[in-house]
Amino acid sequence: MKTKQKIYMIRKMLGWSQESLGERLGISQRHYGRIEKGETHIRLDRLETLCDELGITLPQLTGMEVEQLYDLIAEKQNKSNKS
């Protein structure tokens, strides 16, 4: 699965809109949408910030299968809900 698809699926899993994630990154919803569609390139520093917002590392995003990412994020969400 391509990185852009992973980003989309993780964002949806977290229940976030493109607009809210774009705001977290300091970009417009339109620009963020173009990133998810692969219509524009994302700078490395912004990609690292995106990973921080999603609660994962860049190596996890690029190296893990989406199912592994789901498990990782679900585990983090469960831990934060218990706190």
C-alpha atoms as a PDB file:
ATOM      1  CA  MET A   1       0.000   0.000   0.000  1.00  0.00           C
ATOM      2  CA  LYS A   2       1.278   3.457  -0.874  1.00  0.00           C
ATOM      3  CA  THR A   3       2.149   5.953   1.831  1.00  0.00           C
ATOM      4  CA  LYS A   4      -0.629   8.329   0.753  1.00  0.00           C
ATOM      5  CA  GLN A   5      -3.171   5.538   1.201  1.00  0.00           C
ATOM      6  CA  LYS A   6      -1.802   4.721   4.642  1.00  0.00           C
ATOM      7  CA  ILE A   7      -2.076   8.377   5.659  1.00  0.00           C
ATOM      8  CA  TYR A   8      -5.679   8.473   4.458  1.00  0.00           C
ATOM      9  CA  MET A   9      -6.636   5.282   6.280  1.00  0.00           C
ATOM     10  CA  ILE A  10      -4.989   6.328   9.547  1.00  0.00           C
ATOM     11  CA  ARG A  11      -6.665   9.738   9.410  1.00  0.00           C
ATOM     12  CA  LYS A  12     -10.039   8.077   8.887  1.00  0.00           C
ATOM     13  CA  MET A  13      -9.371   5.625  11.722  1.00  0.00           C
ATOM     14  CA  LEU A  14      -8.676   8.548  14.040  1.00  0.00           C
ATOM     15  CA  GLY A  15     -11.911  10.203  12.910  1.00  0.00           C
ATOM     16  CA  TRP A  16     -10.185  13.362  11.714  1.00  0.00           C
ATOM     17  CA  SER A  17     -11.182  15.470   8.743  1.00  0.00           C
ATOM     18  CA  GLN A  18      -8.735  16.686   6.125  1.00  0.00           C
ATOM     19  CA  GLU A  19      -9.428  20.194   7.377  1.00  0.00           C
ATOM     20  CA  SER A  20      -8.539  19.416  10.997  1.00  0.00           C
ATOM     21  CA  LEU A  21      -5.349  17.592  10.079  1.00  0.00           C
ATOM     22  CA  GLY A  22      -4.403  20.332   7.622  1.00  0.00           C
ATOM     23  CA  GLU A  23      -4.823  22.878  10.421  1.00  0.00           C
ATOM     24  CA  ARG A  24      -2.541  20.819  12.654  1.00  0.00           C
ATOM     25  CA  LEU A  25       0.061  20.916   9.873  1.00  0.00           C
ATOM     26  CA  GLY A  26      -0.423  24.609   9.126  1.00  0.00           C
ATOM     27  CA  ILE A  27      -1.785  24.030   5.616  1.00  0.00           C
ATOM     28  CA  SER A  28      -5.185  24.330   3.983  1.00  0.00           C
ATOM     29  CA  GLN A  29      -7.620  21.459   3.599  1.00  0.00           C
ATOM     30  CA  ARG A  30      -7.193  21.736  -0.162  1.00  0.00           C
ATOM     31  CA  HIS A  31      -3.427  21.380   0.054  1.00  0.00           C
ATOM     32  CA  TYR A  32      -3.727  18.498   2.505  1.00  0.00           C
ATOM     33  CA  GLY A  33      -6.217  16.773   0.191  1.00  0.00           C
ATOM     34  CA  ARG A  34      -3.741  17.065  -2.667  1.00  0.00           C
ATOM     35  CA  ILE A  35      -1.140  15.318  -0.491  1.00  0.00           C
ATOM     36  CA  GLU A  36      -3.493  12.401   0.199  1.00  0.00           C
ATOM     37  CA  LYS A  37      -4.329  12.139  -3.496  1.00  0.00           C
ATOM     38  CA  GLY A  38      -0.648  12.176  -4.448  1.00  0.00           C
ATOM     39  CA  GLU A  39      -1.117  15.329  -6.520  1.00  0.00           C
ATOM     40  CA  THR A  40       1.689  17.138  -4.736  1.00  0.00           C
ATOM     41  CA  HIS A  41       4.822  16.185  -2.881  1.00  0.00           C
ATOM     42  CA  ILE A  42       5.124  16.669   0.840  1.00  0.00           C
ATOM     43  CA  ARG A  43       8.275  18.115   2.319  1.00  0.00           C
ATOM     44  CA  LEU A  44      10.186  15.813   4.650  1.00  0.00           C
ATOM     45  CA  ASP A  45       9.788  18.129   7.637  1.00  0.00           C
ATOM     46  CA  ARG A  46       6.032  18.301   7.071  1.00  0.00           C
ATOM     47  CA  LEU A  47       5.862  14.518   6.663  1.00  0.00           C
ATOM     48  CA  GLU A  48       7.634  14.138  10.012  1.00  0.00           C
ATOM     49  CA  THR A  49       5.142  16.563  11.586  1.00  0.00           C
ATOM     50  CA  LEU A  50       2.288  14.591  10.025  1.00  0.00           C
ATOM     51  CA  CYS A  51       3.647  11.393  11.559  1.00  0.00           C
ATOM     52  CA  ASP A  52       3.907  13.129  14.944  1.00  0.00           C
ATOM     53  CA  GLU A  53       0.270  14.188  14.664  1.00  0.00           C
ATOM     54  CA  LEU A  54      -0.767  10.648  13.717  1.00  0.00           C
ATOM     55  CA  GLY A  55       1.218   9.247  16.646  1.00  0.00           C
ATOM     56  CA  ILE A  56       3.663   7.224  14.572  1.00  0.00           C
ATOM     57  CA  THR A  57       7.226   7.562  13.319  1.00  0.00           C
ATOM     58  CA  LEU A  58       8.259   8.050   9.714  1.00  0.00           C
ATOM     59  CA  PRO A  59       9.894   4.584   9.577  1.00  0.00           C
ATOM     60  CA  GLN A  60       6.654   3.074  10.892  1.00  0.00           C
ATOM     61  CA  LEU A  61       4.607   4.876   8.244  1.00  0.00           C
ATOM     62  CA  THR A  62       6.834   3.838   5.381  1.00  0.00           C
ATOM     63  CA  GLY A  63       7.848   0.392   6.617  1.00  0.00           C
ATOM     64  CA  MET A  64       4.744  -1.121   8.183  1.00  0.00           C
ATOM     65  CA  GLU A  65       1.716  -2.619   6.543  1.00  0.00           C
ATOM     66  CA  VAL A  66      -1.529  -0.798   7.218  1.00  0.00           C
ATOM     67  CA  GLU A  67      -2.799  -3.577   9.488  1.00  0.00           C
ATOM     68  CA  GLN A  68       0.273  -3.193  11.700  1.00  0.00           C
ATOM     69  CA  LEU A  69      -0.275   0.557  11.801  1.00  0.00           C
ATOM     70  CA  TYR A  70      -3.916   0.040  12.798  1.00  0.00           C
ATOM     71  CA  ASP A  71      -2.834  -2.219  15.649  1.00  0.00           C
ATOM     72  CA  LEU A  72      -0.190   0.254  16.786  1.00  0.00           C
ATOM     73  CA  ILE A  73      -2.582   3.211  16.757  1.00  0.00           C
ATOM     74  CA  ALA A  74      -5.385   1.234  18.402  1.00  0.00           C
ATOM     75  CA  GLU A  75      -3.000   0.206  21.171  1.00  0.00           C
ATOM     76  CA  LYS A  76      -1.955   3.827  21.741  1.00  0.00           C
ATOM     77  CA  GLN A  77      -5.590   4.951  21.779  1.00  0.00           C
ATOM     78  CA  ASN A  78      -6.482   2.273  24.332  1.00  0.00           C
ATOM     79  CA  LYS A  79      -3.607   3.366  26.565  1.00  0.00           C
ATOM     80  CA  SER A  80      -4.633   7.031  26.373  1.00  0.00           C
ATOM     81  CA  ASN A  81      -8.290   6.150  27.091  1.00  0.00           C
ATOM     82  CA  LYS A  82      -7.253   4.258  30.234  1.00  0.00           C
ATOM     83  CA  SER A  83      -5.245   7.242  31.521  1.00  0.00           C
END
